[in-house]
Structures are given as structure tokens and as C-alpha cells.
Amino acid sequence: MRALIALIISAAIAIPVLASPHGDGSHMLKGLNRHLNLTEEQQTQVQAIFEAKKPRMEALREQMKALKEETDSEIKAILTPEQVKQFEAMQEKRREKFEKMKERHQSRME
């Protein structure tokens, strides 16, 4: 049971990353450029790669989101009402922690 909960929590952590709104990959390009000092040509090539992969990434994001919702429903179905409240509180705490982490990351990227 603990392994299942750990798996769900791990997946739950990944979902916001995958489900967050995405633009053109410019934030990732900035990070790569900052660490790798890409040439203009490399930046253009990396941007093209991001754009080419974007439809597949969006489709995967939707699949992961649906899988998480399905998994959460199945877990809640076997929990007591009190455990459901605790489970939802855990998820909310994780979301808040993730948002803070995301804000710190975005501020470093700017």
C-alpha cells in the first residue's frame, strides 16, 4: 500500500509540470542558453526542436492528466471519508509547494 501511495504521489508531482500552461519553449531555451552559452544558430535549432515536439508533448500532458484523475478516483473509492479528506489535503499541500517551487524557478530564469 505504501508503494502505491508513493507512486501516486510521485505521479501527482509530475502532473502539474506536465499540465502547466506552455508557450513556445522560450523559458527552456533561456535556461539552456544560460548554462550552455548557445550560438544563435544553436538557439534557432533548439527552438525548432521544441516547436516540432510541442504537439506530442501536449497530447502526453492530456493523457497524464486523465490518468491522474482516473487514479485519484480509484484511490478515493477505497479510502474512508476521513482518509479522502487527508488525501485531498496532501494533494493541496503538494500543489502549494509546487507553485512556490515554480515561482522560484521562473524568477531565476528571468
Protein backbone atom coordinates (compact mmCIF):
# COMPACT_ATOMS: atom_id res chain seq x y z
CA MET A 1 0.00 0.00 0.00
CA ARG A 2 2.83 2.42 0.84
CA ALA A 3 4.44 1.73 -2.53
CA LEU A 4 1.15 2.52 -4.28
CA ILE A 5 0.76 5.77 -2.37
CA ALA A 6 4.37 6.73 -3.12
CA LEU A 7 3.77 6.02 -6.81
CA ILE A 8 0.62 8.14 -6.84
CA ILE A 9 2.33 11.00 -5.04
CA SER A 10 5.24 10.83 -7.49
CA ALA A 11 2.85 10.92 -10.40
CA ALA A 12 0.92 13.73 -8.76
CA ILE A 13 4.09 15.78 -8.51
CA ALA A 14 4.82 15.26 -12.19
CA ILE A 15 1.33 16.14 -13.39
CA PRO A 16 1.41 19.86 -12.64
CA VAL A 17 4.64 20.12 -14.52
CA LEU A 18 3.13 18.41 -17.49
CA ALA A 19 -0.22 20.10 -17.15
CA SER A 20 1.05 23.64 -16.67
CA PRO A 21 0.48 26.09 -19.48
CA HIS A 22 3.26 26.01 -22.00
CA GLY A 23 4.32 28.52 -24.54
CA ASP A 24 6.94 28.22 -27.19
CA GLY A 25 9.71 26.71 -25.05
CA SER A 26 11.44 30.06 -24.67
CA HIS A 27 11.86 29.58 -20.90
CA MET A 28 13.65 26.28 -21.53
CA LEU A 29 15.72 27.86 -24.27
CA LYS A 30 16.77 30.64 -21.88
CA GLY A 31 17.91 28.06 -19.34
CA LEU A 32 19.86 26.09 -21.92
CA ASN A 33 21.43 29.24 -23.27
CA ARG A 34 22.36 30.43 -19.79
CA HIS A 35 24.11 27.16 -18.96
CA LEU A 36 25.48 26.22 -22.37
CA ASN A 37 26.08 29.61 -24.00
CA LEU A 38 24.40 28.53 -27.24
CA THR A 39 25.23 30.23 -30.51
CA GLU A 40 22.44 31.99 -32.40
CA GLU A 41 22.28 29.06 -34.81
CA GLN A 42 22.01 26.57 -31.94
CA GLN A 43 19.27 28.65 -30.32
CA THR A 44 17.32 28.61 -33.58
CA GLN A 45 17.77 24.86 -33.91
CA VAL A 46 16.73 24.19 -30.30
CA GLN A 47 13.66 26.39 -30.73
CA ALA A 48 12.72 24.41 -33.86
CA ILE A 49 13.05 21.16 -31.91
CA PHE A 50 10.76 22.47 -29.17
CA GLU A 51 8.19 23.60 -31.72
CA ALA A 52 8.30 20.24 -33.54
CA LYS A 53 7.75 18.30 -30.29
CA LYS A 54 5.07 20.59 -28.88
CA PRO A 55 2.01 18.71 -30.25
CA ARG A 56 3.25 15.39 -28.89
CA MET A 57 4.07 16.93 -25.52
CA GLU A 58 0.60 18.48 -25.28
CA ALA A 59 -1.02 15.13 -26.12
CA LEU A 60 1.08 13.40 -23.45
CA ARG A 61 0.17 16.10 -20.94
CA GLU A 62 -3.52 15.44 -21.55
CA GLN A 63 -3.03 11.67 -21.21
CA MET A 64 -1.12 12.09 -17.94
CA LYS A 65 -3.78 14.43 -16.59
CA ALA A 66 -6.54 11.94 -17.43
CA LEU A 67 -4.54 9.08 -15.92
CA LYS A 68 -4.01 11.02 -12.71
CA GLU A 69 -7.71 11.86 -12.42
CA GLU A 70 -8.62 8.21 -13.02
CA THR A 71 -6.05 7.01 -10.47
CA ASP A 72 -7.17 9.53 -7.86
CA SER A 73 -10.80 8.42 -8.30
CA GLU A 74 -9.85 4.77 -7.88
CA ILE A 75 -7.84 5.53 -4.75
CA LYS A 76 -10.59 7.64 -3.22
CA ALA A 77 -13.05 4.80 -3.83
CA ILE A 78 -11.14 2.55 -1.43
CA LEU A 79 -10.47 5.17 1.24
CA THR A 80 -12.64 6.03 4.21
CA PRO A 81 -14.22 9.50 4.21
CA GLU A 82 -11.57 10.69 6.69
CA GLN A 83 -8.77 9.28 4.51
CA VAL A 84 -10.26 11.03 1.46
CA LYS A 85 -10.06 14.34 3.34
CA GLN A 86 -6.44 13.61 4.27
CA PHE A 87 -5.63 12.56 0.70
CA GLU A 88 -7.10 15.77 -0.68
CA ALA A 89 -5.23 17.83 1.92
CA MET A 90 -1.99 16.09 0.93
CA GLN A 91 -2.63 16.92 -2.70
CA GLU A 92 -3.39 20.56 -1.91
CA LYS A 93 -0.23 20.88 0.17
CA ARG A 94 1.78 19.38 -2.69
CA ARG A 95 0.17 21.79 -5.18
CA GLU A 96 1.07 24.76 -2.97
CA LYS A 97 4.65 23.53 -2.58
CA PHE A 98 4.93 23.03 -6.33
CA GLU A 99 3.61 26.54 -7.04
CA LYS A 100 6.23 28.04 -4.74
CA MET A 101 8.95 25.97 -6.40
CA LYS A 102 7.68 27.00 -9.84
CA GLU A 103 7.70 30.69 -8.86
CA ARG A 104 11.28 30.43 -7.61
CA HIS A 105 12.33 28.68 -10.80
CA GLN A 106 10.64 31.28 -13.00
CA SER A 107 12.27 34.14 -11.13
CA ARG A 108 15.70 32.56 -11.67
CA MET A 109 15.01 32.13 -15.38
CA GLU A 110 14.23 35.82 -15.88
